[in-house]
Amino acid sequence: MKPDDRPLWFDVYRAFPPIVEPKFARAKPENKPIRQILYKEDIIRAKFHGKGHGLSSNMLSLTGETHTKKLIQKYEQLKSQGIPEEELIDKCVVGVDSERQEASKTTVQNPDSVSSHVLAEANLKSIFKE
């Protein structure tokens, strides 16, 4: 075979031959079961999402914490206080929502920035109605 007629993989195959020769009649490898990887936060997250909480996100938030992450932190805090399991999710949602409302009432950190002027002038609640 001429060097110009060889496929690209030919030289690579010659330089790095496989450890086991590839054959069609080779036995199939053993199927290993896949382990379930669940963390305790996944169970808490499933409880919140099952009730319809934790689905929102705030792209303008400077903290970088999602609504679900805040709910999980509040859940752990209230659970350490000994609150019954049935009441935990509802109290977490109420607590995080009140914190979010308080945070939205705070003043702008840099009132001279261009972004703060644009956001102050924008009517975000009716932005899609126009």
N, C-alpha and C. Protein backbone atom coordinates (compact mmCIF):
# COMPACT_ATOMS: atom_id res chain seq x y z
N MET A 1 0.85 -1.17 0.00
CA MET A 1 0.00 0.00 0.00
C MET A 1 0.91 1.24 0.00
N LYS A 2 0.59 2.17 -0.83
CA LYS A 2 1.37 3.39 -0.91
C LYS A 2 1.07 4.28 0.31
N PRO A 3 2.06 5.05 0.76
CA PRO A 3 1.82 5.92 1.92
C PRO A 3 0.68 6.92 1.70
N ASP A 4 0.48 7.37 0.48
CA ASP A 4 -0.60 8.32 0.21
C ASP A 4 -1.97 7.66 0.22
N ASP A 5 -2.02 6.34 0.02
CA ASP A 5 -3.30 5.63 -0.02
C ASP A 5 -3.74 5.12 1.34
N ARG A 6 -2.87 5.20 2.33
CA ARG A 6 -3.21 4.67 3.67
C ARG A 6 -4.23 5.57 4.37
N PRO A 7 -5.15 4.99 5.11
CA PRO A 7 -6.06 5.81 5.92
C PRO A 7 -5.29 6.42 7.10
N LEU A 8 -5.84 7.45 7.68
CA LEU A 8 -5.17 8.16 8.78
C LEU A 8 -4.93 7.26 9.99
N TRP A 9 -5.88 6.39 10.30
CA TRP A 9 -5.76 5.56 11.48
C TRP A 9 -4.71 4.47 11.34
N PHE A 10 -4.24 4.18 10.15
CA PHE A 10 -3.31 3.08 9.92
C PHE A 10 -1.99 3.29 10.69
N ASP A 11 -1.41 4.48 10.60
CA ASP A 11 -0.15 4.75 11.30
C ASP A 11 -0.34 4.78 12.81
N VAL A 12 -1.47 5.29 13.25
CA VAL A 12 -1.76 5.30 14.68
C VAL A 12 -1.90 3.87 15.20
N TYR A 13 -2.59 3.04 14.46
CA TYR A 13 -2.80 1.64 14.85
C TYR A 13 -1.45 0.91 14.91
N ARG A 14 -0.57 1.20 13.97
CA ARG A 14 0.74 0.56 13.95
C ARG A 14 1.60 1.06 15.13
N ALA A 15 1.53 2.34 15.45
CA ALA A 15 2.32 2.90 16.54
C ALA A 15 1.79 2.48 17.91
N PHE A 16 0.46 2.35 18.03
CA PHE A 16 -0.17 1.99 19.31
C PHE A 16 -1.12 0.82 19.10
N PRO A 17 -0.58 -0.38 18.97
CA PRO A 17 -1.47 -1.53 18.74
C PRO A 17 -2.30 -1.82 19.99
N PRO A 18 -3.49 -2.37 19.82
CA PRO A 18 -4.34 -2.66 20.98
C PRO A 18 -3.75 -3.79 21.81
N ILE A 19 -4.06 -3.78 23.10
CA ILE A 19 -3.58 -4.83 24.01
C ILE A 19 -4.23 -6.15 23.66
N VAL A 20 -5.53 -6.14 23.42
CA VAL A 20 -6.27 -7.34 23.03
C VAL A 20 -6.67 -7.15 21.57
N GLU A 21 -6.34 -8.12 20.76
CA GLU A 21 -6.63 -8.03 19.33
C GLU A 21 -8.15 -7.95 19.12
N PRO A 22 -8.64 -6.95 18.39
CA PRO A 22 -10.09 -6.83 18.18
C PRO A 22 -10.57 -7.93 17.24
N LYS A 23 -11.50 -8.72 17.77
CA LYS A 23 -12.09 -9.81 16.98
C LYS A 23 -13.59 -9.78 17.17
N PHE A 24 -14.27 -10.17 16.11
CA PHE A 24 -15.73 -10.18 16.16
C PHE A 24 -16.25 -11.27 17.10
N ALA A 25 -15.56 -12.38 17.20
CA ALA A 25 -16.04 -13.52 17.97
C ALA A 25 -15.63 -13.44 19.44
N ARG A 26 -15.12 -12.31 19.88
CA ARG A 26 -14.70 -12.16 21.27
C ARG A 26 -15.92 -12.19 22.19
N ALA A 27 -15.76 -12.77 23.37
CA ALA A 27 -16.86 -12.86 24.34
C ALA A 27 -17.21 -11.46 24.86
N LYS A 28 -18.51 -11.27 25.15
CA LYS A 28 -18.96 -9.98 25.66
C LYS A 28 -18.45 -9.78 27.08
N PRO A 29 -18.12 -8.53 27.44
CA PRO A 29 -17.69 -8.29 28.82
C PRO A 29 -18.86 -8.44 29.78
N GLU A 30 -18.53 -8.70 31.02
CA GLU A 30 -19.55 -8.90 32.04
C GLU A 30 -20.26 -7.58 32.35
N ASN A 31 -21.58 -7.62 32.43
CA ASN A 31 -22.36 -6.42 32.78
C ASN A 31 -22.32 -6.23 34.29
N LYS A 32 -21.79 -5.12 34.71
CA LYS A 32 -21.73 -4.82 36.14
C LYS A 32 -22.91 -3.93 36.48
N PRO A 33 -23.57 -4.17 37.60
CA PRO A 33 -24.71 -3.32 37.98
C PRO A 33 -24.25 -1.91 38.32
N ILE A 34 -25.07 -0.94 37.98
CA ILE A 34 -24.76 0.45 38.25
C ILE A 34 -25.26 0.80 39.66
N ARG A 35 -24.36 1.33 40.47
CA ARG A 35 -24.74 1.71 41.83
C ARG A 35 -25.57 2.98 41.82
N GLN A 36 -26.55 3.03 42.68
CA GLN A 36 -27.34 4.24 42.85
C GLN A 36 -26.55 5.18 43.77
N ILE A 37 -26.34 6.39 43.32
CA ILE A 37 -25.62 7.37 44.12
C ILE A 37 -26.62 8.44 44.53
N LEU A 38 -27.03 8.38 45.77
CA LEU A 38 -27.97 9.35 46.31
C LEU A 38 -27.36 9.96 47.57
N TYR A 39 -27.43 11.25 47.66
CA TYR A 39 -26.99 11.96 48.84
C TYR A 39 -28.22 12.36 49.64
N LYS A 40 -28.01 12.71 50.92
CA LYS A 40 -29.17 13.09 51.73
C LYS A 40 -29.85 14.34 51.18
N GLU A 41 -29.06 15.23 50.53
CA GLU A 41 -29.65 16.42 49.93
C GLU A 41 -30.58 16.07 48.78
N ASP A 42 -30.29 14.97 48.09
CA ASP A 42 -31.15 14.55 46.98
C ASP A 42 -32.54 14.17 47.47
N ILE A 43 -32.61 13.53 48.63
CA ILE A 43 -33.90 13.14 49.19
C ILE A 43 -34.69 14.37 49.62
N ILE A 44 -33.99 15.32 50.26
CA ILE A 44 -34.64 16.57 50.67
C ILE A 44 -35.11 17.34 49.43
N ARG A 45 -34.25 17.41 48.42
CA ARG A 45 -34.57 18.12 47.17
C ARG A 45 -35.80 17.49 46.51
N ALA A 46 -35.88 16.16 46.54
CA ALA A 46 -37.03 15.47 45.94
C ALA A 46 -38.32 15.82 46.69
N LYS A 47 -38.23 15.96 48.01
CA LYS A 47 -39.42 16.34 48.78
C LYS A 47 -39.89 17.74 48.39
N PHE A 48 -38.95 18.68 48.27
CA PHE A 48 -39.32 20.04 47.90
C PHE A 48 -39.90 20.10 46.49
N HIS A 49 -39.24 19.47 45.55
CA HIS A 49 -39.71 19.52 44.16
C HIS A 49 -41.01 18.74 44.00
N GLY A 50 -41.21 17.71 44.81
CA GLY A 50 -42.46 16.96 44.76
C GLY A 50 -43.65 17.81 45.16
N LYS A 51 -43.42 18.79 46.03
CA LYS A 51 -44.50 19.70 46.44
C LYS A 51 -44.52 20.98 45.61
N GLY A 52 -43.63 21.08 44.61
CA GLY A 52 -43.65 22.24 43.72
C GLY A 52 -42.82 23.41 44.19
N HIS A 53 -41.92 23.21 45.14
CA HIS A 53 -41.07 24.29 45.63
C HIS A 53 -39.68 24.16 45.02
N GLY A 54 -38.95 25.24 45.04
CA GLY A 54 -37.55 25.19 44.61
C GLY A 54 -37.34 25.25 43.11
N LEU A 55 -38.32 25.66 42.36
CA LEU A 55 -38.20 25.66 40.92
C LEU A 55 -37.74 27.00 40.34
N SER A 56 -37.64 28.02 41.18
CA SER A 56 -37.28 29.34 40.66
C SER A 56 -35.79 29.59 40.84
N SER A 57 -35.27 30.51 40.03
CA SER A 57 -33.89 30.94 40.19
C SER A 57 -33.82 32.42 39.90
N ASN A 58 -32.87 33.07 40.54
CA ASN A 58 -32.71 34.50 40.37
C ASN A 58 -31.36 34.75 39.73
N MET A 59 -31.35 35.12 38.47
CA MET A 59 -30.09 35.34 37.75
C MET A 59 -29.41 36.63 38.20
N LEU A 60 -30.13 37.52 38.83
CA LEU A 60 -29.55 38.78 39.29
C LEU A 60 -28.97 38.68 40.69
N SER A 61 -29.14 37.54 41.35
CA SER A 61 -28.66 37.38 42.70
C SER A 61 -27.14 37.35 42.74
N LEU A 62 -26.57 38.12 43.65
CA LEU A 62 -25.12 38.17 43.78
C LEU A 62 -24.58 37.05 44.65
N THR A 63 -25.45 36.39 45.42
CA THR A 63 -24.99 35.33 46.32
C THR A 63 -24.68 34.05 45.56
N GLY A 64 -25.34 33.82 44.45
CA GLY A 64 -25.09 32.61 43.68
C GLY A 64 -25.79 31.39 44.24
N GLU A 65 -26.59 31.56 45.27
CA GLU A 65 -27.30 30.43 45.86
C GLU A 65 -28.67 30.27 45.20
N THR A 66 -28.99 29.03 44.85
CA THR A 66 -30.29 28.77 44.26
C THR A 66 -31.35 28.70 45.35
N HIS A 67 -32.58 28.77 44.93
CA HIS A 67 -33.70 28.67 45.86
C HIS A 67 -33.67 27.31 46.56
N THR A 68 -33.35 26.27 45.82
CA THR A 68 -33.31 24.93 46.40
C THR A 68 -32.21 24.81 47.43
N LYS A 69 -31.06 25.41 47.17
CA LYS A 69 -29.95 25.34 48.13
C LYS A 69 -30.33 26.04 49.43
N LYS A 70 -31.01 27.17 49.32
CA LYS A 70 -31.46 27.87 50.52
C LYS A 70 -32.48 27.04 51.29
N LEU A 71 -33.37 26.37 50.55
CA LEU A 71 -34.36 25.51 51.20
C LEU A 71 -33.68 24.37 51.96
N ILE A 72 -32.65 23.78 51.36
CA ILE A 72 -31.95 22.67 52.02
C ILE A 72 -31.22 23.17 53.27
N GLN A 73 -30.59 24.34 53.19
CA GLN A 73 -29.91 24.89 54.36
C GLN A 73 -30.91 25.17 55.48
N LYS A 74 -32.05 25.74 55.13
CA LYS A 74 -33.09 26.03 56.13
C LYS A 74 -33.64 24.72 56.71
N TYR A 75 -33.80 23.70 55.87
CA TYR A 75 -34.28 22.38 56.31
C TYR A 75 -33.34 21.81 57.36
N GLU A 76 -32.03 21.85 57.09
CA GLU A 76 -31.04 21.31 58.04
C GLU A 76 -31.07 22.11 59.34
N GLN A 77 -31.21 23.42 59.24
CA GLN A 77 -31.24 24.27 60.43
C GLN A 77 -32.45 23.95 61.29
N LEU A 78 -33.62 23.85 60.67
CA LEU A 78 -34.84 23.56 61.43
C LEU A 78 -34.87 22.13 61.95
N LYS A 79 -34.28 21.21 61.22
CA LYS A 79 -34.24 19.82 61.67
C LYS A 79 -33.38 19.69 62.91
N SER A 80 -32.28 20.46 62.99
CA SER A 80 -31.42 20.42 64.17
C SER A 80 -32.12 21.02 65.40
N GLN A 81 -33.16 21.84 65.17
CA GLN A 81 -33.93 22.41 66.27
C GLN A 81 -35.00 21.45 66.78
N GLY A 82 -35.18 20.32 66.10
CA GLY A 82 -36.12 19.30 66.57
C GLY A 82 -37.53 19.47 66.06
N ILE A 83 -37.73 20.15 64.98
CA ILE A 83 -39.07 20.33 64.41
C ILE A 83 -39.50 19.03 63.73
N PRO A 84 -40.77 18.61 63.89
CA PRO A 84 -41.22 17.36 63.28
C PRO A 84 -41.09 17.36 61.76
N GLU A 85 -40.87 16.17 61.21
CA GLU A 85 -40.62 16.00 59.78
C GLU A 85 -41.77 16.51 58.91
N GLU A 86 -43.01 16.37 59.38
CA GLU A 86 -44.17 16.77 58.58
C GLU A 86 -44.22 18.29 58.39
N GLU A 87 -43.73 19.05 59.35
CA GLU A 87 -43.81 20.50 59.30
C GLU A 87 -42.58 21.14 58.67
N LEU A 88 -41.51 20.38 58.52
CA LEU A 88 -40.24 20.96 58.07
C LEU A 88 -40.32 21.66 56.72
N ILE A 89 -40.88 20.98 55.73
CA ILE A 89 -40.89 21.54 54.38
C ILE A 89 -41.69 22.84 54.33
N ASP A 90 -42.87 22.84 54.93
CA ASP A 90 -43.70 24.04 54.90
C ASP A 90 -43.03 25.21 55.62
N LYS A 91 -42.41 24.94 56.76
CA LYS A 91 -41.72 26.01 57.50
C LYS A 91 -40.50 26.50 56.73
N CYS A 92 -39.81 25.61 56.05
CA CYS A 92 -38.64 26.02 55.25
C CYS A 92 -39.07 26.95 54.13
N VAL A 93 -40.15 26.59 53.46
CA VAL A 93 -40.63 27.41 52.34
C VAL A 93 -41.04 28.79 52.84
N VAL A 94 -41.75 28.84 53.95
CA VAL A 94 -42.17 30.13 54.51
C VAL A 94 -40.95 30.96 54.91
N GLY A 95 -39.96 30.32 55.55
CA GLY A 95 -38.76 31.04 55.99
C GLY A 95 -37.94 31.58 54.83
N VAL A 96 -37.74 30.77 53.81
CA VAL A 96 -36.94 31.21 52.66
C VAL A 96 -37.67 32.28 51.87
N ASP A 97 -39.00 32.16 51.74
CA ASP A 97 -39.76 33.19 51.03
C ASP A 97 -39.70 34.52 51.77
N SER A 98 -39.77 34.48 53.10
CA SER A 98 -39.68 35.74 53.86
C SER A 98 -38.29 36.35 53.73
N GLU A 99 -37.23 35.51 53.69
CA GLU A 99 -35.88 36.02 53.50
C GLU A 99 -35.73 36.64 52.10
N ARG A 100 -36.35 36.02 51.12
CA ARG A 100 -36.27 36.54 49.76
C ARG A 100 -36.99 37.90 49.65
N GLN A 101 -38.13 38.03 50.32
CA GLN A 101 -38.85 39.30 50.28
C GLN A 101 -38.07 40.40 50.98
N GLU A 102 -37.40 40.05 52.08
CA GLU A 102 -36.57 41.04 52.78
C GLU A 102 -35.39 41.45 51.91
N ALA A 103 -34.80 40.51 51.21
CA ALA A 103 -33.64 40.80 50.35
C ALA A 103 -34.04 41.68 49.17
N SER A 104 -35.25 41.48 48.68
CA SER A 104 -35.69 42.30 47.54
C SER A 104 -35.98 43.74 47.95
N LYS A 105 -36.19 43.99 49.25
CA LYS A 105 -36.45 45.34 49.73
C LYS A 105 -35.17 46.12 49.99
N THR A 106 -34.04 45.44 49.99
CA THR A 106 -32.78 46.13 50.29
C THR A 106 -32.41 47.08 49.16
N THR A 107 -31.58 48.03 49.49
CA THR A 107 -31.18 49.02 48.51
C THR A 107 -30.09 48.47 47.61
N VAL A 108 -29.87 49.15 46.52
CA VAL A 108 -28.85 48.76 45.55
C VAL A 108 -27.48 49.01 46.15
N GLN A 109 -26.54 48.07 45.96
CA GLN A 109 -25.22 48.21 46.54
C GLN A 109 -24.41 49.32 45.88
N ASN A 110 -24.55 49.49 44.59
CA ASN A 110 -23.82 50.51 43.86
C ASN A 110 -24.81 51.35 43.06
N PRO A 111 -25.35 52.39 43.65
CA PRO A 111 -26.40 53.16 42.96
C PRO A 111 -25.91 53.92 41.74
N ASP A 112 -24.59 54.11 41.59
CA ASP A 112 -24.06 54.86 40.45
C ASP A 112 -23.81 53.99 39.23
N SER A 113 -23.97 52.68 39.34
CA SER A 113 -23.67 51.81 38.21
C SER A 113 -24.75 51.93 37.13
N VAL A 114 -24.37 51.64 35.92
CA VAL A 114 -25.29 51.71 34.78
C VAL A 114 -26.40 50.68 34.94
N SER A 115 -26.03 49.50 35.41
CA SER A 115 -27.03 48.42 35.58
C SER A 115 -28.11 48.82 36.57
N SER A 116 -27.72 49.48 37.65
CA SER A 116 -28.73 49.87 38.64
C SER A 116 -29.70 50.89 38.07
N HIS A 117 -29.21 51.80 37.21
CA HIS A 117 -30.10 52.78 36.58
C HIS A 117 -31.07 52.09 35.61
N VAL A 118 -30.56 51.15 34.83
CA VAL A 118 -31.41 50.45 33.87
C VAL A 118 -32.46 49.62 34.60
N LEU A 119 -32.05 48.92 35.65
CA LEU A 119 -32.99 48.09 36.39
C LEU A 119 -34.00 48.94 37.14
N ALA A 120 -33.60 50.11 37.61
CA ALA A 120 -34.53 50.99 38.32
C ALA A 120 -35.60 51.52 37.37
N GLU A 121 -35.22 51.79 36.13
CA GLU A 121 -36.17 52.32 35.15
C GLU A 121 -37.05 51.24 34.53
N ALA A 122 -36.59 50.01 34.53
CA ALA A 122 -37.33 48.92 33.88
C ALA A 122 -38.48 48.46 34.76
N ASN A 123 -39.58 48.17 34.14
CA ASN A 123 -40.73 47.60 34.84
C ASN A 123 -40.68 46.10 34.60
N LEU A 124 -39.98 45.40 35.48
CA LEU A 124 -39.74 43.97 35.26
C LEU A 124 -40.99 43.12 35.39
N LYS A 125 -41.97 43.60 36.12
CA LYS A 125 -43.18 42.78 36.30
C LYS A 125 -44.02 42.73 35.04
N SER A 126 -43.98 43.76 34.22
CA SER A 126 -44.80 43.76 33.01
C SER A 126 -43.94 43.78 31.74
N ILE A 127 -42.75 43.25 31.84
CA ILE A 127 -41.83 43.30 30.70
C ILE A 127 -42.32 42.47 29.51
N PHE A 128 -43.04 41.41 29.77
CA PHE A 128 -43.52 40.54 28.70
C PHE A 128 -44.91 40.90 28.20
N LYS A 129 -45.54 41.86 28.80
CA LYS A 129 -46.88 42.24 28.40
C LYS A 129 -46.89 43.16 27.20
N GLU A 130 -45.77 43.82 26.93
CA GLU A 130 -45.71 44.77 25.82
C GLU A 130 -45.65 44.11 24.47
